[in-house]
Amino acid sequence: AAGESFYTRNFINMYSVTDANGKVTGYNINPGSILSVADNLIEANNFRGQLSYTNSWQRNAVSVILGAEVRESSGASNGHYYYGYNASTGVFQNINSVAAFTVNPYGYSAVIPSSGFSLNGTLDRFRSYFENAAYTYNRKYTITFSSRIDASNYFGVQTNQKKVPLWSAGGKWDIDKEKFYHSNWLPGLKLRVTYGYSGNLDKSVTAVTTFRYIDFPSSLTNLPFAQLSNLGNPDLRWEKIGIFNFGIDFEIKNKILQGSIEYYHKSGKDLMGDKILDPTTGIDQLRGNFSSMSGEGADIKLTSQNINREFKWTTITLFSWNTDKITRYNGRIYPSDLISSDKNLYPKVGRPLFGIYSYRWAGLDPANGDPRGYDAQKQISSDYYTLINSDSFDELVYNGPARPQVFGSVINHFGYKGFTLSLSIVYKFRYYFRAKSIDYNSLYFYLNGNRDFANRWQAPGDELHTDVPSMPAIANLDPSRDYFYNYSTVTVQKGDNIRIQDVNFSYDFSKSGRALPVASLQCFLNLSNPGLIWRANKKG
């Protein structure tokens, strides 16, 4: 019903006209409903043409693909409000959205509708040319080459700046087909190698300066105004990722064991990052292709047929190792930024993109249980404001990556007649996290506690078996004290763990040998994430 929601009643009351006694004498927003209307339109067009050629003769084969693609997508949206709206008659009230009114219980403001209602439009255009070719000689040697040119309207003022050439090349050698190769226990053996570049488009920046109009007047001038969204950078380019990959595929006799081992190295060039500028230019930091990073890793996949009789047992083992580090970053970064870099991007050259950093811990004060740290002179200090506002990176400890560097799974499949049991175990190693602990300011004012409160320092000697600070009197509360403790090395834990990911048990009635009225009938029970088998930390 009209005007019955709290938001509408409150909005009307805020802009009502009152006398000296607080009695309502009139309305700037008529009583009734507030109707919000929004329209969205998305149009997409895609054209793709492709030519394919394949041929084989004797022990040779060739395959070629040529093509082009053009894509365009556009979007438009608009929205507006009707105040004092009557659904029965369709009548509404026009309001003055420029003038400012006295609002209740106090203040002075123009009628500002809810955010998100304005005129918006987007236009994305892409053009691509691509080819892929493969040639196999004597059924043993295969070479491949692919390339493409992608262009977008986001980058470049000149046409030749809008596109990026990308390519990759590779080869495979079937060693097991060579005359000199004779192995009964390893009948399958292949080597392969590839190298090339892939591209990425970051739509948060553009080659031309963009801004947006705000749909309410300025509080200072009461006039329409706009905000700068993106400073134009005509030198913007696509991000490019160079990837080298080397792999071995193998198969043991009777397929008792088969799998692959791969090593890869990645190098990111022209990645989006920040660059510090002279403030006299009007901005102090510019977004562009100012960053780079590298990484390497290995993947192993093994499939083993442990038992292959009436009772069957198959194991699939996956192992991955991956590292990354920032090799170039020119943006502004402070030591305090790194404290939250496990959740936010604050790249530190020479370190992973996501890492755990902490303040140096010096234990609890034996006299009063206060947390202590080391200052720039490596002296024990309880000056928390100075400790957490230091401008020296040397005062921070890098604990390790926030994302697992080693991870994988072991999946076992068991089968007997119509019964099947699958058990999936996953593991993650070599990473860290920050465990939450007691924050006394939050405890006093918001009643937010933590189980570590039970282990707090209470008397001299407690510092020998606990790292949880003492509880201060409310008059001595210091947010910097809580902040230093919670972001010190003492709250960092290893994240390594092994857990059961899935358990699936099923029965296929079609394998029972009995006639069924349906073509297929199966029942199953699935249990997801039942729990941990092992974890490195003791926090739970």
Foldseek 3Di string as FASTA:
>chain_A
DWQPDPVSVQLFQFQFDADPVRHGDGTLFDGTHKDKDKDKDKDKDKDKDKDKDWDDDDQKIKIKMWMKMKMKMKMKMAMDMFTRADPVVRDGDDHDQLAWGATPPGDIGGNDDDPDGHIDMDMKIKMKIKMKMWMDDNNFKMKIKMKMKMFIQFAAPDRVQRIDIWMKIKMKGFPLPDPVDDDQFWNGKMKMKMKIKDWDDDNQEGQDWDKAKDPHADPVPSHTDIDTRYHHRNNAHIKMKIKIKIKMWTATHPRQKTWMKMKMKIKIFLDWAKAADDCVVVDGIHITRFWMKMKIKMKIWMWGFPDDDLKTKIKIWIKMFMDMATATHHDDDALLNLCPQQPPQDHDGPAGRHFHKFAAWDFADLAAQFTWGAAPVRDIDNPLVCRNRPRDNVRMDTPFGAAFRMKIKMWMWIDHQFKIKIWIKIWGFTHKDFADAAQLVCCVPVVDHHPCLVLEDDHRPSRVPDRHGDRDDPVPHDNSRRVNSSRHPVRMDTFTFMFTAKIKIKGWPVRVPDDDPDPTDMDMDMDGGPDTPDGRDPPD
